[in-house]
Amino acid sequence: MDESRLLKLKVVAMVAVIVEESGGEFLRPSSHRDRGDEWVRDHRRVIIGRRNLFRAKSKRSSAR
């Protein structure tokens, strides 16, 4: 097989893969990537040394 024919076959194969993938499913983030409920977020904040959610929400102004 000559070089130009091999190159054309490679291009056709790549286009076929792209066309097939574009019509299919798309990737979604897993359910484990959500933020979690307030209890989980509260404990994460406390672990890294920030105020818990109760105190953060009851504060009148945000810290900047």
N, C-alpha and C. Protein backbone atom coordinates (compact mmCIF):
# COMPACT_ATOMS: atom_id res chain seq x y z
N MET A 1 0.84 -1.17 0.00
CA MET A 1 0.00 0.00 0.00
C MET A 1 0.89 1.25 0.00
N ASP A 2 0.55 2.20 -0.84
CA ASP A 2 1.36 3.42 -0.87
C ASP A 2 0.95 4.37 0.26
N GLU A 3 1.79 5.37 0.48
CA GLU A 3 1.62 6.30 1.61
C GLU A 3 0.30 7.08 1.54
N SER A 4 -0.05 7.57 0.37
CA SER A 4 -1.26 8.40 0.25
C SER A 4 -2.52 7.57 0.54
N ARG A 5 -2.53 6.33 0.09
CA ARG A 5 -3.70 5.48 0.36
C ARG A 5 -3.80 5.16 1.85
N LEU A 6 -2.68 4.89 2.49
CA LEU A 6 -2.66 4.61 3.92
C LEU A 6 -3.12 5.83 4.71
N LEU A 7 -2.67 7.01 4.28
CA LEU A 7 -3.09 8.25 4.95
C LEU A 7 -4.60 8.46 4.81
N LYS A 8 -5.14 8.22 3.62
CA LYS A 8 -6.58 8.36 3.40
C LYS A 8 -7.36 7.38 4.28
N LEU A 9 -6.89 6.16 4.40
CA LEU A 9 -7.57 5.18 5.24
C LEU A 9 -7.56 5.59 6.72
N LYS A 10 -6.44 6.15 7.16
CA LYS A 10 -6.35 6.63 8.54
C LYS A 10 -7.34 7.76 8.79
N VAL A 11 -7.42 8.70 7.84
CA VAL A 11 -8.33 9.83 7.98
C VAL A 11 -9.77 9.35 7.99
N VAL A 12 -10.11 8.42 7.10
CA VAL A 12 -11.47 7.89 7.05
C VAL A 12 -11.81 7.18 8.37
N ALA A 13 -10.87 6.45 8.92
CA ALA A 13 -11.10 5.76 10.19
C ALA A 13 -11.32 6.76 11.33
N MET A 14 -10.51 7.82 11.35
CA MET A 14 -10.67 8.83 12.41
C MET A 14 -12.02 9.54 12.29
N VAL A 15 -12.42 9.88 11.07
CA VAL A 15 -13.70 10.56 10.87
C VAL A 15 -14.85 9.65 11.27
N ALA A 16 -14.73 8.36 10.96
CA ALA A 16 -15.79 7.41 11.33
C ALA A 16 -15.93 7.32 12.85
N VAL A 17 -14.82 7.32 13.55
CA VAL A 17 -14.86 7.27 15.02
C VAL A 17 -15.48 8.54 15.57
N ILE A 18 -15.09 9.70 15.03
CA ILE A 18 -15.63 10.97 15.52
C ILE A 18 -17.13 11.04 15.27
N VAL A 19 -17.58 10.65 14.09
CA VAL A 19 -19.00 10.70 13.77
C VAL A 19 -19.78 9.75 14.68
N GLU A 20 -19.25 8.58 14.91
CA GLU A 20 -19.94 7.61 15.77
C GLU A 20 -20.03 8.10 17.20
N GLU A 21 -18.97 8.70 17.70
CA GLU A 21 -18.95 9.18 19.08
C GLU A 21 -19.81 10.42 19.26
N SER A 22 -19.89 11.26 18.25
CA SER A 22 -20.67 12.50 18.40
C SER A 22 -22.17 12.21 18.49
N GLY A 23 -22.62 11.12 17.94
CA GLY A 23 -24.04 10.79 18.01
C GLY A 23 -24.40 9.97 19.23
N GLY A 24 -23.41 9.52 19.97
CA GLY A 24 -23.66 8.65 21.12
C GLY A 24 -23.86 9.41 22.41
N GLU A 25 -23.66 8.72 23.49
CA GLU A 25 -23.83 9.30 24.81
C GLU A 25 -22.67 10.24 25.12
N PHE A 26 -22.90 11.14 26.04
CA PHE A 26 -21.83 12.01 26.48
C PHE A 26 -21.52 11.70 27.94
N LEU A 27 -20.35 12.12 28.37
CA LEU A 27 -19.92 11.83 29.74
C LEU A 27 -20.63 12.73 30.72
N ARG A 28 -21.07 12.16 31.81
CA ARG A 28 -21.69 12.91 32.90
C ARG A 28 -20.85 12.72 34.15
N PRO A 29 -20.78 13.73 35.00
CA PRO A 29 -20.07 13.54 36.26
C PRO A 29 -20.80 12.50 37.11
N SER A 30 -20.05 11.74 37.84
CA SER A 30 -20.66 10.70 38.67
C SER A 30 -21.44 11.33 39.81
N SER A 31 -22.34 10.57 40.39
CA SER A 31 -23.16 11.08 41.49
C SER A 31 -22.31 11.36 42.73
N HIS A 32 -21.11 10.81 42.79
CA HIS A 32 -20.25 11.02 43.94
C HIS A 32 -19.59 12.39 43.92
N ARG A 33 -19.73 13.11 42.81
CA ARG A 33 -19.08 14.41 42.69
C ARG A 33 -19.95 15.56 43.17
N ASP A 34 -21.17 15.29 43.62
CA ASP A 34 -22.00 16.38 44.11
C ASP A 34 -21.49 16.84 45.47
N ARG A 35 -22.02 17.93 45.95
CA ARG A 35 -21.49 18.56 47.16
C ARG A 35 -21.87 17.82 48.43
N GLY A 36 -22.92 17.03 48.39
CA GLY A 36 -23.35 16.32 49.58
C GLY A 36 -24.36 17.12 50.37
N ASP A 37 -24.92 16.49 51.39
CA ASP A 37 -25.90 17.20 52.21
C ASP A 37 -25.19 18.15 53.17
N GLU A 38 -25.96 18.94 53.89
CA GLU A 38 -25.36 19.97 54.75
C GLU A 38 -24.49 19.38 55.85
N TRP A 39 -24.84 18.21 56.36
CA TRP A 39 -24.04 17.58 57.41
C TRP A 39 -22.64 17.29 56.90
N VAL A 40 -22.54 16.76 55.70
CA VAL A 40 -21.24 16.43 55.11
C VAL A 40 -20.43 17.69 54.86
N ARG A 41 -21.08 18.71 54.29
CA ARG A 41 -20.37 19.96 54.02
C ARG A 41 -19.91 20.62 55.31
N ASP A 42 -20.73 20.55 56.37
CA ASP A 42 -20.36 21.12 57.65
C ASP A 42 -19.10 20.47 58.21
N HIS A 43 -19.04 19.14 58.15
CA HIS A 43 -17.87 18.45 58.67
C HIS A 43 -16.63 18.69 57.84
N ARG A 44 -16.79 18.83 56.52
CA ARG A 44 -15.63 19.18 55.69
C ARG A 44 -15.09 20.54 56.07
N ARG A 45 -15.98 21.49 56.32
CA ARG A 45 -15.54 22.84 56.69
C ARG A 45 -14.80 22.83 58.02
N VAL A 46 -15.32 22.07 58.98
CA VAL A 46 -14.70 22.02 60.30
C VAL A 46 -13.32 21.36 60.20
N ILE A 47 -13.19 20.33 59.38
CA ILE A 47 -11.92 19.63 59.24
C ILE A 47 -10.84 20.57 58.71
N ILE A 48 -11.18 21.44 57.77
CA ILE A 48 -10.16 22.34 57.21
C ILE A 48 -10.04 23.64 57.99
N GLY A 49 -10.74 23.73 59.12
CA GLY A 49 -10.56 24.86 60.02
C GLY A 49 -11.46 26.05 59.76
N ARG A 50 -12.50 25.90 58.99
CA ARG A 50 -13.43 27.00 58.76
C ARG A 50 -14.61 26.90 59.70
N ARG A 51 -15.43 27.95 59.74
CA ARG A 51 -16.61 27.95 60.60
C ARG A 51 -17.60 26.90 60.10
N ASN A 52 -18.37 26.34 61.02
CA ASN A 52 -19.39 25.39 60.58
C ASN A 52 -20.51 26.16 59.89
N LEU A 53 -21.40 25.44 59.20
CA LEU A 53 -22.43 26.09 58.39
C LEU A 53 -23.40 26.91 59.23
N PHE A 54 -23.70 26.47 60.45
CA PHE A 54 -24.61 27.22 61.29
C PHE A 54 -24.06 28.62 61.55
N ARG A 55 -22.80 28.69 61.91
CA ARG A 55 -22.19 29.98 62.19
C ARG A 55 -21.98 30.79 60.90
N ALA A 56 -21.65 30.11 59.82
CA ALA A 56 -21.43 30.82 58.56
C ALA A 56 -22.73 31.43 58.04
N LYS A 57 -23.85 30.72 58.20
CA LYS A 57 -25.13 31.23 57.70
C LYS A 57 -25.71 32.29 58.62
N SER A 58 -25.38 32.25 59.90
CA SER A 58 -25.97 33.22 60.83
C SER A 58 -25.20 34.54 60.84
N LYS A 59 -24.05 34.57 60.19
CA LYS A 59 -23.26 35.78 60.13
C LYS A 59 -23.94 36.79 59.21
N ARG A 60 -23.95 38.08 59.58
CA ARG A 60 -24.66 39.09 58.78
C ARG A 60 -23.95 39.41 57.48
N SER A 61 -22.64 39.49 57.50
CA SER A 61 -21.92 39.83 56.27
C SER A 61 -20.93 38.72 55.96
N SER A 62 -20.61 38.59 54.71
CA SER A 62 -19.68 37.54 54.31
C SER A 62 -18.25 38.00 54.52
N ALA A 63 -17.39 37.07 54.80
CA ALA A 63 -15.97 37.38 54.97
C ALA A 63 -15.34 37.55 53.59
N ARG A 64 -14.60 38.61 53.41
CA ARG A 64 -13.96 38.84 52.10
C ARG A 64 -12.49 39.03 52.26
